[in-house]
Amino acid sequence: MYKNGTTNIYDVLDIFNSIIPTMKFTMEDEKESKINFIDITISQEENNISFNIYRKPTTTDTIIPNDSCNPQEHKLAAIRYLTNRMETYNLNVNNKEKEANTIKQILYNNKKIISHH
């Protein structure tokens, strides 16, 4: 049984990894009061937590360009995904604004909008 402060989390990880030898569990440590989980960064600030969109360092901003010969619904899928994620996740005002600017830059880089402000 897990007991906060007395259970060694690395022992628990070893137990998990011994159950199914073909499956490997890993653990990421919190750094600078932040941890990445799937596509979000969870930050601890004083007595609160905040969320931000996480992108791997190798992420590119490439989506289907507007001038390609792909169907329109395929061109719009990435835009819907990016904006839906921004609106659905509980981002604070600053992180939402930062994400909106990132999406605008992605759209500009992929010829989805005419001008960049």
PDB file of N, CA and C in Angstrom:
ATOM      1  N   MET A   1       0.836  -1.165   0.000  1.00  0.00           N
ATOM      2  CA  MET A   1       0.000   0.000   0.000  1.00  0.00           C
ATOM      3  C   MET A   1       0.892   1.244   0.000  1.00  0.00           C
ATOM      4  N   TYR A   2       0.485   2.254  -0.777  1.00  0.00           N
ATOM      5  CA  TYR A   2       1.237   3.500  -0.870  1.00  0.00           C
ATOM      6  C   TYR A   2       0.969   4.374   0.342  1.00  0.00           C
ATOM      7  N   LYS A   3       2.048   4.859   0.939  1.00  0.00           N
ATOM      8  CA  LYS A   3       1.939   5.805   2.057  1.00  0.00           C
ATOM      9  C   LYS A   3       2.820   7.001   1.730  1.00  0.00           C
ATOM     10  N   ASN A   4       2.198   8.163   1.629  1.00  0.00           N
ATOM     11  CA  ASN A   4       2.916   9.383   1.300  1.00  0.00           C
ATOM     12  C   ASN A   4       4.043   9.623   2.303  1.00  0.00           C
ATOM     13  N   GLY A   5       5.236   9.831   1.791  1.00  0.00           N
ATOM     14  CA  GLY A   5       6.380  10.117   2.648  1.00  0.00           C
ATOM     15  C   GLY A   5       7.181   8.895   3.062  1.00  0.00           C
ATOM     16  N   THR A   6       6.583   7.705   2.996  1.00  0.00           N
ATOM     17  CA  THR A   6       7.329   6.510   3.403  1.00  0.00           C
ATOM     18  C   THR A   6       7.507   5.509   2.263  1.00  0.00           C
ATOM     19  N   THR A   7       6.627   5.527   1.287  1.00  0.00           N
ATOM     20  CA  THR A   7       6.740   4.589   0.170  1.00  0.00           C
ATOM     21  C   THR A   7       7.773   5.099  -0.823  1.00  0.00           C
ATOM     22  N   ASN A   8       8.693   4.238  -1.213  1.00  0.00           N
ATOM     23  CA  ASN A   8       9.693   4.588  -2.212  1.00  0.00           C
ATOM     24  C   ASN A   8       9.062   4.402  -3.598  1.00  0.00           C
ATOM     25  N   ILE A   9       8.868   5.506  -4.303  1.00  0.00           N
ATOM     26  CA  ILE A   9       8.184   5.429  -5.593  1.00  0.00           C
ATOM     27  C   ILE A   9       8.985   4.627  -6.625  1.00  0.00           C
ATOM     28  N   TYR A  10      10.286   4.569  -6.452  1.00  0.00           N
ATOM     29  CA  TYR A  10      11.109   3.780  -7.382  1.00  0.00           C
ATOM     30  C   TYR A  10      10.904   2.278  -7.150  1.00  0.00           C
ATOM     31  N   ASP A  11      10.639   1.886  -5.908  1.00  0.00           N
ATOM     32  CA  ASP A  11      10.294   0.491  -5.622  1.00  0.00           C
ATOM     33  C   ASP A  11       8.958   0.135  -6.275  1.00  0.00           C
ATOM     34  N   VAL A  12       8.011   1.056  -6.220  1.00  0.00           N
ATOM     35  CA  VAL A  12       6.707   0.837  -6.855  1.00  0.00           C
ATOM     36  C   VAL A  12       6.895   0.688  -8.367  1.00  0.00           C
ATOM     37  N   LEU A  13       7.726   1.526  -8.960  1.00  0.00           N
ATOM     38  CA  LEU A  13       8.007   1.426 -10.390  1.00  0.00           C
ATOM     39  C   LEU A  13       8.620   0.070 -10.728  1.00  0.00           C
ATOM     40  N   ASP A  14       9.540  -0.403  -9.915  1.00  0.00           N
ATOM     41  CA  ASP A  14      10.149  -1.725 -10.130  1.00  0.00           C
ATOM     42  C   ASP A  14       9.100  -2.834 -10.062  1.00  0.00           C
ATOM     43  N   ILE A  15       8.182  -2.720  -9.118  1.00  0.00           N
ATOM     44  CA  ILE A  15       7.113  -3.722  -9.007  1.00  0.00           C
ATOM     45  C   ILE A  15       6.243  -3.709 -10.264  1.00  0.00           C
ATOM     46  N   PHE A  16       5.853  -2.529 -10.727  1.00  0.00           N
ATOM     47  CA  PHE A  16       5.054  -2.426 -11.957  1.00  0.00           C
ATOM     48  C   PHE A  16       5.788  -3.078 -13.122  1.00  0.00           C
ATOM     49  N   ASN A  17       7.079  -2.802 -13.239  1.00  0.00           N
ATOM     50  CA  ASN A  17       7.851  -3.333 -14.359  1.00  0.00           C
ATOM     51  C   ASN A  17       8.086  -4.835 -14.253  1.00  0.00           C
ATOM     52  N   SER A  18       7.970  -5.401 -13.059  1.00  0.00           N
ATOM     53  CA  SER A  18       8.165  -6.846 -12.897  1.00  0.00           C
ATOM     54  C   SER A  18       6.895  -7.640 -13.217  1.00  0.00           C
ATOM     55  N   ILE A  19       5.751  -7.000 -13.235  1.00  0.00           N
ATOM     56  CA  ILE A  19       4.484  -7.698 -13.459  1.00  0.00           C
ATOM     57  C   ILE A  19       4.380  -8.235 -14.885  1.00  0.00           C
ATOM     58  N   ILE A  20       4.642  -7.385 -15.852  1.00  0.00           N
ATOM     59  CA  ILE A  20       4.601  -7.792 -17.265  1.00  0.00           C
ATOM     60  C   ILE A  20       5.951  -7.424 -17.868  1.00  0.00           C
ATOM     61  N   PRO A  21       6.855  -8.378 -17.989  1.00  0.00           N
ATOM     62  CA  PRO A  21       8.217  -8.071 -18.445  1.00  0.00           C
ATOM     63  C   PRO A  21       8.296  -7.418 -19.828  1.00  0.00           C
ATOM     64  N   THR A  22       7.305  -7.661 -20.675  1.00  0.00           N
ATOM     65  CA  THR A  22       7.341  -7.071 -22.024  1.00  0.00           C
ATOM     66  C   THR A  22       6.831  -5.632 -22.045  1.00  0.00           C
ATOM     67  N   MET A  23       6.315  -5.165 -20.928  1.00  0.00           N
ATOM     68  CA  MET A  23       5.818  -3.791 -20.835  1.00  0.00           C
ATOM     69  C   MET A  23       6.734  -2.996 -19.920  1.00  0.00           C
ATOM     70  N   LYS A  24       7.160  -1.842 -20.363  1.00  0.00           N
ATOM     71  CA  LYS A  24       8.103  -1.025 -19.593  1.00  0.00           C
ATOM     72  C   LYS A  24       7.436   0.274 -19.168  1.00  0.00           C
ATOM     73  N   PHE A  25       7.314   0.458 -17.853  1.00  0.00           N
ATOM     74  CA  PHE A  25       6.794   1.706 -17.301  1.00  0.00           C
ATOM     75  C   PHE A  25       7.962   2.639 -17.037  1.00  0.00           C
ATOM     76  N   THR A  26       7.744   3.907 -17.256  1.00  0.00           N
ATOM     77  CA  THR A  26       8.751   4.917 -16.936  1.00  0.00           C
ATOM     78  C   THR A  26       8.112   5.968 -16.054  1.00  0.00           C
ATOM     79  N   MET A  27       8.946   6.789 -15.479  1.00  0.00           N
ATOM     80  CA  MET A  27       8.438   7.826 -14.600  1.00  0.00           C
ATOM     81  C   MET A  27       9.209   9.103 -14.893  1.00  0.00           C
ATOM     82  N   GLU A  28       8.482  10.178 -14.956  1.00  0.00           N
ATOM     83  CA  GLU A  28       9.107  11.472 -15.180  1.00  0.00           C
ATOM     84  C   GLU A  28       9.050  12.265 -13.880  1.00  0.00           C
ATOM     85  N   ASP A  29      10.167  12.849 -13.519  1.00  0.00           N
ATOM     86  CA  ASP A  29      10.214  13.663 -12.306  1.00  0.00           C
ATOM     87  C   ASP A  29       9.815  15.092 -12.624  1.00  0.00           C
ATOM     88  N   GLU A  30       9.221  15.723 -11.649  1.00  0.00           N
ATOM     89  CA  GLU A  30       8.859  17.130 -11.761  1.00  0.00           C
ATOM     90  C   GLU A  30      10.137  17.958 -11.811  1.00  0.00           C
ATOM     91  N   LYS A  31      10.170  18.946 -12.704  1.00  0.00           N
ATOM     92  CA  LYS A  31      11.320  19.852 -12.816  1.00  0.00           C
ATOM     93  C   LYS A  31      10.817  21.281 -12.759  1.00  0.00           C
ATOM     94  N   GLU A  32      11.417  22.069 -11.887  1.00  0.00           N
ATOM     95  CA  GLU A  32      11.028  23.470 -11.717  1.00  0.00           C
ATOM     96  C   GLU A  32       9.528  23.600 -11.470  1.00  0.00           C
ATOM     97  N   SER A  33       8.983  22.713 -10.659  1.00  0.00           N
ATOM     98  CA  SER A  33       7.557  22.688 -10.303  1.00  0.00           C
ATOM     99  C   SER A  33       6.650  22.457 -11.507  1.00  0.00           C
ATOM    100  N   LYS A  34       7.173  21.768 -12.526  1.00  0.00           N
ATOM    101  CA  LYS A  34       6.401  21.473 -13.734  1.00  0.00           C
ATOM    102  C   LYS A  34       6.592  20.017 -14.119  1.00  0.00           C
ATOM    103  N   ILE A  35       5.540  19.460 -14.728  1.00  0.00           N
ATOM    104  CA  ILE A  35       5.639  18.116 -15.280  1.00  0.00           C
ATOM    105  C   ILE A  35       4.762  18.048 -16.526  1.00  0.00           C
ATOM    106  N   ASN A  36       5.252  17.351 -17.533  1.00  0.00           N
ATOM    107  CA  ASN A  36       4.494  17.184 -18.775  1.00  0.00           C
ATOM    108  C   ASN A  36       3.734  15.872 -18.707  1.00  0.00           C
ATOM    109  N   PHE A  37       2.480  15.922 -19.132  1.00  0.00           N
ATOM    110  CA  PHE A  37       1.635  14.734 -19.171  1.00  0.00           C
ATOM    111  C   PHE A  37       0.843  14.775 -20.462  1.00  0.00           C
ATOM    112  N   ILE A  38       1.135  13.838 -21.340  1.00  0.00           N
ATOM    113  CA  ILE A  38       0.545  13.744 -22.670  1.00  0.00           C
ATOM    114  C   ILE A  38       0.808  15.059 -23.408  1.00  0.00           C
ATOM    115  N   ASP A  39      -0.204  15.927 -23.577  1.00  0.00           N
ATOM    116  CA  ASP A  39       0.029  17.164 -24.324  1.00  0.00           C
ATOM    117  C   ASP A  39      -0.201  18.417 -23.480  1.00  0.00           C
ATOM    118  N   ILE A  40      -0.054  18.273 -22.163  1.00  0.00           N
ATOM    119  CA  ILE A  40      -0.159  19.445 -21.300  1.00  0.00           C
ATOM    120  C   ILE A  40       1.047  19.516 -20.356  1.00  0.00           C
ATOM    121  N   THR A  41       1.337  20.724 -19.930  1.00  0.00           N
ATOM    122  CA  THR A  41       2.318  20.948 -18.872  1.00  0.00           C
ATOM    123  C   THR A  41       1.532  21.375 -17.648  1.00  0.00           C
ATOM    124  N   ILE A  42       1.751  20.687 -16.555  1.00  0.00           N
ATOM    125  CA  ILE A  42       1.087  21.010 -15.299  1.00  0.00           C
ATOM    126  C   ILE A  42       2.117  21.717 -14.429  1.00  0.00           C
ATOM    127  N   SER A  43       1.791  22.938 -14.012  1.00  0.00           N
ATOM    128  CA  SER A  43       2.708  23.743 -13.207  1.00  0.00           C
ATOM    129  C   SER A  43       2.113  23.993 -11.840  1.00  0.00           C
ATOM    130  N   GLN A  44       2.968  23.901 -10.836  1.00  0.00           N
ATOM    131  CA  GLN A  44       2.549  24.212  -9.468  1.00  0.00           C
ATOM    132  C   GLN A  44       3.037  25.608  -9.148  1.00  0.00           C
ATOM    133  N   GLU A  45       2.090  26.481  -8.824  1.00  0.00           N
ATOM    134  CA  GLU A  45       2.417  27.868  -8.500  1.00  0.00           C
ATOM    135  C   GLU A  45       1.761  28.207  -7.165  1.00  0.00           C
ATOM    136  N   GLU A  46       2.565  28.405  -6.142  1.00  0.00           N
ATOM    137  CA  GLU A  46       2.085  28.638  -4.779  1.00  0.00           C
ATOM    138  C   GLU A  46       1.121  27.521  -4.399  1.00  0.00           C
ATOM    139  N   ASN A  47      -0.145  27.828  -4.173  1.00  0.00           N
ATOM    140  CA  ASN A  47      -1.119  26.803  -3.781  1.00  0.00           C
ATOM    141  C   ASN A  47      -2.027  26.413  -4.944  1.00  0.00           C
ATOM    142  N   ASN A  48      -1.662  26.766  -6.160  1.00  0.00           N
ATOM    143  CA  ASN A  48      -2.490  26.488  -7.332  1.00  0.00           C
ATOM    144  C   ASN A  48      -1.714  25.686  -8.361  1.00  0.00           C
ATOM    145  N   ILE A  49      -2.451  25.086  -9.266  1.00  0.00           N
ATOM    146  CA  ILE A  49      -1.817  24.463 -10.419  1.00  0.00           C
ATOM    147  C   ILE A  49      -2.359  25.155 -11.668  1.00  0.00           C
ATOM    148  N   SER A  50      -1.535  25.211 -12.692  1.00  0.00           N
ATOM    149  CA  SER A  50      -1.972  25.782 -13.960  1.00  0.00           C
ATOM    150  C   SER A  50      -1.590  24.821 -15.072  1.00  0.00           C
ATOM    151  N   PHE A  51      -2.271  24.977 -16.179  1.00  0.00           N
ATOM    152  CA  PHE A  51      -2.074  24.100 -17.324  1.00  0.00           C
ATOM    153  C   PHE A  51      -1.642  24.913 -18.529  1.00  0.00           C
ATOM    154  N   ASN A  52      -0.794  24.305 -19.340  1.00  0.00           N
ATOM    155  CA  ASN A  52      -0.362  24.917 -20.589  1.00  0.00           C
ATOM    156  C   ASN A  52      -0.231  23.801 -21.622  1.00  0.00           C
ATOM    157  N   ILE A  53      -0.274  24.154 -22.878  1.00  0.00           N
ATOM    158  CA  ILE A  53      -0.105  23.176 -23.942  1.00  0.00           C
ATOM    159  C   ILE A  53       1.375  22.791 -23.995  1.00  0.00           C
ATOM    160  N   TYR A  54       1.642  21.499 -24.056  1.00  0.00           N
ATOM    161  CA  TYR A  54       3.018  21.001 -24.155  1.00  0.00           C
ATOM    162  C   TYR A  54       3.281  20.545 -25.584  1.00  0.00           C
ATOM    163  N   ARG A  55       4.393  20.969 -26.112  1.00  0.00           N
ATOM    164  CA  ARG A  55       4.868  20.497 -27.409  1.00  0.00           C
ATOM    165  C   ARG A  55       6.282  19.977 -27.219  1.00  0.00           C
ATOM    166  N   LYS A  56       6.541  18.805 -27.766  1.00  0.00           N
ATOM    167  CA  LYS A  56       7.886  18.248 -27.681  1.00  0.00           C
ATOM    168  C   LYS A  56       8.862  19.175 -28.403  1.00  0.00           C
ATOM    169  N   PRO A  57      10.119  19.182 -27.996  1.00  0.00           N
ATOM    170  CA  PRO A  57      11.109  20.029 -28.668  1.00  0.00           C
ATOM    171  C   PRO A  57      11.238  19.717 -30.162  1.00  0.00           C
ATOM    172  N   THR A  58      10.883  18.502 -30.562  1.00  0.00           N
ATOM    173  CA  THR A  58      10.998  18.118 -31.968  1.00  0.00           C
ATOM    174  C   THR A  58       9.736  18.424 -32.787  1.00  0.00           C
ATOM    175  N   THR A  59       8.717  18.989 -32.135  1.00  0.00           N
ATOM    176  CA  THR A  59       7.468  19.296 -32.825  1.00  0.00           C
ATOM    177  C   THR A  59       7.699  20.353 -33.893  1.00  0.00           C
ATOM    178  N   THR A  60       7.122  20.113 -35.055  1.00  0.00           N
ATOM    179  CA  THR A  60       7.151  21.125 -36.115  1.00  0.00           C
ATOM    180  C   THR A  60       5.768  21.757 -36.193  1.00  0.00           C
ATOM    181  N   ASP A  61       5.683  22.894 -36.840  1.00  0.00           N
ATOM    182  CA  ASP A  61       4.376  23.545 -36.973  1.00  0.00           C
ATOM    183  C   ASP A  61       3.759  23.274 -38.343  1.00  0.00           C
ATOM    184  N   THR A  62       4.123  22.160 -38.926  1.00  0.00           N
ATOM    185  CA  THR A  62       3.640  21.832 -40.260  1.00  0.00           C
ATOM    186  C   THR A  62       2.258  21.194 -40.204  1.00  0.00           C
ATOM    187  N   ILE A  63       1.331  21.813 -40.914  1.00  0.00           N
ATOM    188  CA  ILE A  63       0.017  21.243 -41.153  1.00  0.00           C
ATOM    189  C   ILE A  63      -0.225  21.327 -42.654  1.00  0.00           C
ATOM    190  N   ILE A  64      -1.312  20.783 -43.151  1.00  0.00           N
ATOM    191  CA  ILE A  64      -1.565  20.800 -44.595  1.00  0.00           C
ATOM    192  C   ILE A  64      -1.727  22.245 -45.056  1.00  0.00           C
ATOM    193  N   PRO A  65      -0.876  22.705 -45.965  1.00  0.00           N
ATOM    194  CA  PRO A  65      -0.976  24.098 -46.435  1.00  0.00           C
ATOM    195  C   PRO A  65      -2.292  24.351 -47.175  1.00  0.00           C
ATOM    196  N   ASN A  66      -2.727  25.583 -47.113  1.00  0.00           N
ATOM    197  CA  ASN A  66      -3.983  25.960 -47.743  1.00  0.00           C
ATOM    198  C   ASN A  66      -3.947  25.784 -49.255  1.00  0.00           C
ATOM    199  N   ASP A  67      -2.775  25.933 -49.866  1.00  0.00           N
ATOM    200  CA  ASP A  67      -2.688  25.844 -51.332  1.00  0.00           C
ATOM    201  C   ASP A  67      -2.417  24.422 -51.827  1.00  0.00           C
ATOM    202  N   SER A  68      -2.567  23.424 -50.957  1.00  0.00           N
ATOM    203  CA  SER A  68      -2.363  22.042 -51.384  1.00  0.00           C
ATOM    204  C   SER A  68      -3.632  21.514 -52.057  1.00  0.00           C
ATOM    205  N   CYS A  69      -3.522  20.366 -52.671  1.00  0.00           N
ATOM    206  CA  CYS A  69      -4.654  19.752 -53.376  1.00  0.00           C
ATOM    207  C   CYS A  69      -5.439  18.783 -52.494  1.00  0.00           C
ATOM    208  N   ASN A  70      -5.306  18.893 -51.206  1.00  0.00           N
ATOM    209  CA  ASN A  70      -6.041  18.025 -50.284  1.00  0.00           C
ATOM    210  C   ASN A  70      -7.467  18.527 -50.095  1.00  0.00           C
ATOM    211  N   PRO A  71      -8.377  17.629 -49.714  1.00  0.00           N
ATOM    212  CA  PRO A  71      -9.753  18.059 -49.444  1.00  0.00           C
ATOM    213  C   PRO A  71      -9.794  19.114 -48.335  1.00  0.00           C
ATOM    214  N   GLN A  72     -10.729  20.032 -48.442  1.00  0.00           N
ATOM    215  CA  GLN A  72     -10.848  21.132 -47.474  1.00  0.00           C
ATOM    216  C   GLN A  72     -11.021  20.611 -46.048  1.00  0.00           C
ATOM    217  N   GLU A  73     -11.797  19.532 -45.864  1.00  0.00           N
ATOM    218  CA  GLU A  73     -12.009  19.017 -44.502  1.00  0.00           C
ATOM    219  C   GLU A  73     -10.706  18.514 -43.885  1.00  0.00           C
ATOM    220  N   HIS A  74      -9.777  18.035 -44.719  1.00  0.00           N
ATOM    221  CA  HIS A  74      -8.469  17.605 -44.200  1.00  0.00           C
ATOM    222  C   HIS A  74      -7.635  18.822 -43.809  1.00  0.00           C
ATOM    223  N   LYS A  75      -7.717  19.877 -44.601  1.00  0.00           N
ATOM    224  CA  LYS A  75      -6.969  21.098 -44.309  1.00  0.00           C
ATOM    225  C   LYS A  75      -7.441  21.737 -43.003  1.00  0.00           C
ATOM    226  N   LEU A  76      -8.735  21.629 -42.732  1.00  0.00           N
ATOM    227  CA  LEU A  76      -9.305  22.269 -41.549  1.00  0.00           C
ATOM    228  C   LEU A  76      -9.183  21.421 -40.282  1.00  0.00           C
ATOM    229  N   ALA A  77      -8.893  20.139 -40.430  1.00  0.00           N
ATOM    230  CA  ALA A  77      -8.860  19.238 -39.270  1.00  0.00           C
ATOM    231  C   ALA A  77      -7.842  19.684 -38.222  1.00  0.00           C
ATOM    232  N   ALA A  78      -6.639  20.035 -38.628  1.00  0.00           N
ATOM    233  CA  ALA A  78      -5.608  20.456 -37.670  1.00  0.00           C
ATOM    234  C   ALA A  78      -6.014  21.748 -36.972  1.00  0.00           C
ATOM    235  N   ILE A  79      -6.621  22.655 -37.715  1.00  0.00           N
ATOM    236  CA  ILE A  79      -7.059  23.926 -37.122  1.00  0.00           C
ATOM    237  C   ILE A  79      -8.126  23.661 -36.067  1.00  0.00           C
ATOM    238  N   ARG A  80      -9.082  22.804 -36.392  1.00  0.00           N
ATOM    239  CA  ARG A  80     -10.128  22.455 -35.420  1.00  0.00           C
ATOM    240  C   ARG A  80      -9.517  21.811 -34.181  1.00  0.00           C
ATOM    241  N   TYR A  81      -8.557  20.915 -34.395  1.00  0.00           N
ATOM    242  CA  TYR A  81      -7.911  20.243 -33.264  1.00  0.00           C
ATOM    243  C   TYR A  81      -7.193  21.253 -32.367  1.00  0.00           C
ATOM    244  N   LEU A  82      -6.386  22.126 -32.961  1.00  0.00           N
ATOM    245  CA  LEU A  82      -5.616  23.087 -32.178  1.00  0.00           C
ATOM    246  C   LEU A  82      -6.523  24.043 -31.408  1.00  0.00           C
ATOM    247  N   THR A  83      -7.554  24.565 -32.072  1.00  0.00           N
ATOM    248  CA  THR A  83      -8.443  25.511 -31.392  1.00  0.00           C
ATOM    249  C   THR A  83      -9.322  24.813 -30.363  1.00  0.00           C
ATOM    250  N   ASN A  84      -9.773  23.606 -30.662  1.00  0.00           N
ATOM    251  CA  ASN A  84     -10.585  22.866 -29.693  1.00  0.00           C
ATOM    252  C   ASN A  84      -9.779  22.562 -28.437  1.00  0.00           C
ATOM    253  N   ARG A  85      -8.532  22.166 -28.619  1.00  0.00           N
ATOM    254  CA  ARG A  85      -7.670  21.872 -27.465  1.00  0.00           C
ATOM    255  C   ARG A  85      -7.473  23.131 -26.626  1.00  0.00           C
ATOM    256  N   MET A  86      -7.243  24.265 -27.292  1.00  0.00           N
ATOM    257  CA  MET A  86      -7.041  25.523 -26.573  1.00  0.00           C
ATOM    258  C   MET A  86      -8.297  25.903 -25.777  1.00  0.00           C
ATOM    259  N   GLU A  87      -9.462  25.701 -26.358  1.00  0.00           N
ATOM    260  CA  GLU A  87     -10.715  26.070 -25.696  1.00  0.00           C
ATOM    261  C   GLU A  87     -11.151  25.064 -24.639  1.00  0.00           C
ATOM    262  N   THR A  88     -10.793  23.797 -24.816  1.00  0.00           N
ATOM    263  CA  THR A  88     -11.249  22.743 -23.914  1.00  0.00           C
ATOM    264  C   THR A  88     -10.410  22.655 -22.645  1.00  0.00           C
ATOM    265  N   TYR A  89      -9.097  22.800 -22.777  1.00  0.00           N
ATOM    266  CA  TYR A  89      -8.230  22.700 -21.608  1.00  0.00           C
ATOM    267  C   TYR A  89      -8.397  23.929 -20.725  1.00  0.00           C
ATOM    268  N   ASN A  90      -8.210  23.740 -19.458  1.00  0.00           N
ATOM    269  CA  ASN A  90      -8.402  24.808 -18.478  1.00  0.00           C
ATOM    270  C   ASN A  90      -7.147  25.683 -18.404  1.00  0.00           C
ATOM    271  N   LEU A  91      -6.900  26.441 -19.471  1.00  0.00           N
ATOM    272  CA  LEU A  91      -5.726  27.314 -19.523  1.00  0.00           C
ATOM    273  C   LEU A  91      -6.065  28.653 -18.886  1.00  0.00           C
ATOM    274  N   ASN A  92      -5.102  29.234 -18.163  1.00  0.00           N
ATOM    275  CA  ASN A  92      -5.348  30.576 -17.645  1.00  0.00           C
ATOM    276  C   ASN A  92      -5.269  31.577 -18.800  1.00  0.00           C
ATOM    277  N   VAL A  93      -5.607  32.818 -18.533  1.00  0.00           N
ATOM    278  CA  VAL A  93      -5.705  33.837 -19.586  1.00  0.00           C
ATOM    279  C   VAL A  93      -4.386  33.991 -20.339  1.00  0.00           C
ATOM    280  N   ASN A  94      -3.272  34.042 -19.611  1.00  0.00           N
ATOM    281  CA  ASN A  94      -1.967  34.223 -20.264  1.00  0.00           C
ATOM    282  C   ASN A  94      -1.600  33.028 -21.138  1.00  0.00           C
ATOM    283  N   ASN A  95      -1.819  31.821 -20.632  1.00  0.00           N
ATOM    284  CA  ASN A  95      -1.480  30.626 -21.407  1.00  0.00           C
ATOM    285  C   ASN A  95      -2.394  30.471 -22.617  1.00  0.00           C
ATOM    286  N   LYS A  96      -3.661  30.871 -22.478  1.00  0.00           N
ATOM    287  CA  LYS A  96      -4.589  30.808 -23.614  1.00  0.00           C
ATOM    288  C   LYS A  96      -4.166  31.797 -24.701  1.00  0.00           C
ATOM    289  N   GLU A  97      -3.758  32.991 -24.288  1.00  0.00           N
ATOM    290  CA  GLU A  97      -3.294  33.996 -25.245  1.00  0.00           C
ATOM    291  C   GLU A  97      -2.015  33.522 -25.946  1.00  0.00           C
ATOM    292  N   LYS A  98      -1.113  32.935 -25.180  1.00  0.00           N
ATOM    293  CA  LYS A  98       0.126  32.394 -25.754  1.00  0.00           C
ATOM    294  C   LYS A  98      -0.191  31.305 -26.780  1.00  0.00           C
ATOM    295  N   GLU A  99      -1.137  30.417 -26.448  1.00  0.00           N
ATOM    296  CA  GLU A  99      -1.510  29.348 -27.361  1.00  0.00           C
ATOM    297  C   GLU A  99      -2.197  29.903 -28.607  1.00  0.00           C
ATOM    298  N   ALA A 100      -3.043  30.905 -28.442  1.00  0.00           N
ATOM    299  CA  ALA A 100      -3.703  31.541 -29.599  1.00  0.00           C
ATOM    300  C   ALA A 100      -2.658  32.133 -30.542  1.00  0.00           C
ATOM    301  N   ASN A 101      -1.630  32.760 -29.986  1.00  0.00           N
ATOM    302  CA  ASN A 101      -0.559  33.318 -30.818  1.00  0.00           C
ATOM    303  C   ASN A 101       0.237  32.219 -31.517  1.00  0.00           C
ATOM    304  N   THR A 102       0.459  31.100 -30.823  1.00  0.00           N
ATOM    305  CA  THR A 102       1.153  29.964 -31.445  1.00  0.00           C
ATOM    306  C   THR A 102       0.333  29.425 -32.610  1.00  0.00           C
ATOM    307  N   ILE A 103      -0.967  29.297 -32.419  1.00  0.00           N
ATOM    308  CA  ILE A 103      -1.841  28.803 -33.495  1.00  0.00           C
ATOM    309  C   ILE A 103      -1.818  29.770 -34.672  1.00  0.00           C
ATOM    310  N   LYS A 104      -1.879  31.067 -34.401  1.00  0.00           N
ATOM    311  CA  LYS A 104      -1.806  32.062 -35.487  1.00  0.00           C
ATOM    312  C   LYS A 104      -0.501  31.918 -36.261  1.00  0.00           C
ATOM    313  N   GLN A 105       0.597  31.696 -35.546  1.00  0.00           N
ATOM    314  CA  GLN A 105       1.893  31.532 -36.211  1.00  0.00           C
ATOM    315  C   GLN A 105       1.905  30.270 -37.072  1.00  0.00           C
ATOM    316  N   ILE A 106       1.328  29.190 -36.560  1.00  0.00           N
ATOM    317  CA  ILE A 106       1.240  27.943 -37.330  1.00  0.00           C
ATOM    318  C   ILE A 106       0.424  28.171 -38.596  1.00  0.00           C
ATOM    319  N   LEU A 107      -0.701  28.872 -38.462  1.00  0.00           N
ATOM    320  CA  LEU A 107      -1.549  29.157 -39.627  1.00  0.00           C
ATOM    321  C   LEU A 107      -0.804  30.019 -40.643  1.00  0.00           C
ATOM    322  N   TYR A 108      -0.116  31.027 -40.162  1.00  0.00           N
ATOM    323  CA  TYR A 108       0.656  31.897 -41.052  1.00  0.00           C
ATOM    324  C   TYR A 108       1.750  31.105 -41.772  1.00  0.00           C
ATOM    325  N   ASN A 109       2.466  30.281 -41.040  1.00  0.00           N
ATOM    326  CA  ASN A 109       3.556  29.498 -41.631  1.00  0.00           C
ATOM    327  C   ASN A 109       3.068  28.490 -42.656  1.00  0.00           C
ATOM    328  N   ASN A 110       1.813  28.099 -42.556  1.00  0.00           N
ATOM    329  CA  ASN A 110       1.251  27.103 -43.471  1.00  0.00           C
ATOM    330  C   ASN A 110       0.270  27.721 -44.461  1.00  0.00           C
ATOM    331  N   LYS A 111       0.390  29.028 -44.663  1.00  0.00           N
ATOM    332  CA  LYS A 111      -0.401  29.761 -45.670  1.00  0.00           C
ATOM    333  C   LYS A 111      -1.895  29.636 -45.432  1.00  0.00           C
ATOM    334  N   LYS A 112      -2.292  29.596 -44.153  1.00  0.00           N
ATOM    335  CA  LYS A 112      -3.719  29.499 -43.839  1.00  0.00           C
ATOM    336  C   LYS A 112      -4.364  30.863 -43.685  1.00  0.00           C
ATOM    337  N   ILE A 113      -3.543  31.897 -43.435  1.00  0.00           N
ATOM    338  CA  ILE A 113      -4.078  33.242 -43.332  1.00  0.00           C
ATOM    339  C   ILE A 113      -3.223  34.167 -44.197  1.00  0.00           C
ATOM    340  N   ILE A 114      -3.780  35.275 -44.595  1.00  0.00           N
ATOM    341  CA  ILE A 114      -3.118  36.169 -45.543  1.00  0.00           C
ATOM    342  C   ILE A 114      -2.024  36.998 -44.885  1.00  0.00           C
ATOM    343  N   SER A 115      -2.326  37.619 -43.751  1.00  0.00           N
ATOM    344  CA  SER A 115      -1.338  38.505 -43.129  1.00  0.00           C
ATOM    345  C   SER A 115      -1.024  38.060 -41.719  1.00  0.00           C
ATOM    346  N   HIS A 116       0.115  38.488 -41.254  1.00  0.00           N
ATOM    347  CA  HIS A 116       0.568  38.153 -39.903  1.00  0.00           C
ATOM    348  C   HIS A 116       0.627  39.436 -39.099  1.00  0.00           C
ATOM    349  N   HIS A 117      -0.070  39.459 -37.941  1.00  0.00           N
ATOM    350  CA  HIS A 117      -0.073  40.660 -37.089  1.00  0.00           C
ATOM    351  C   HIS A 117       0.755  40.423 -35.867  1.00  0.00           C
TER     352      HIS A 117
END
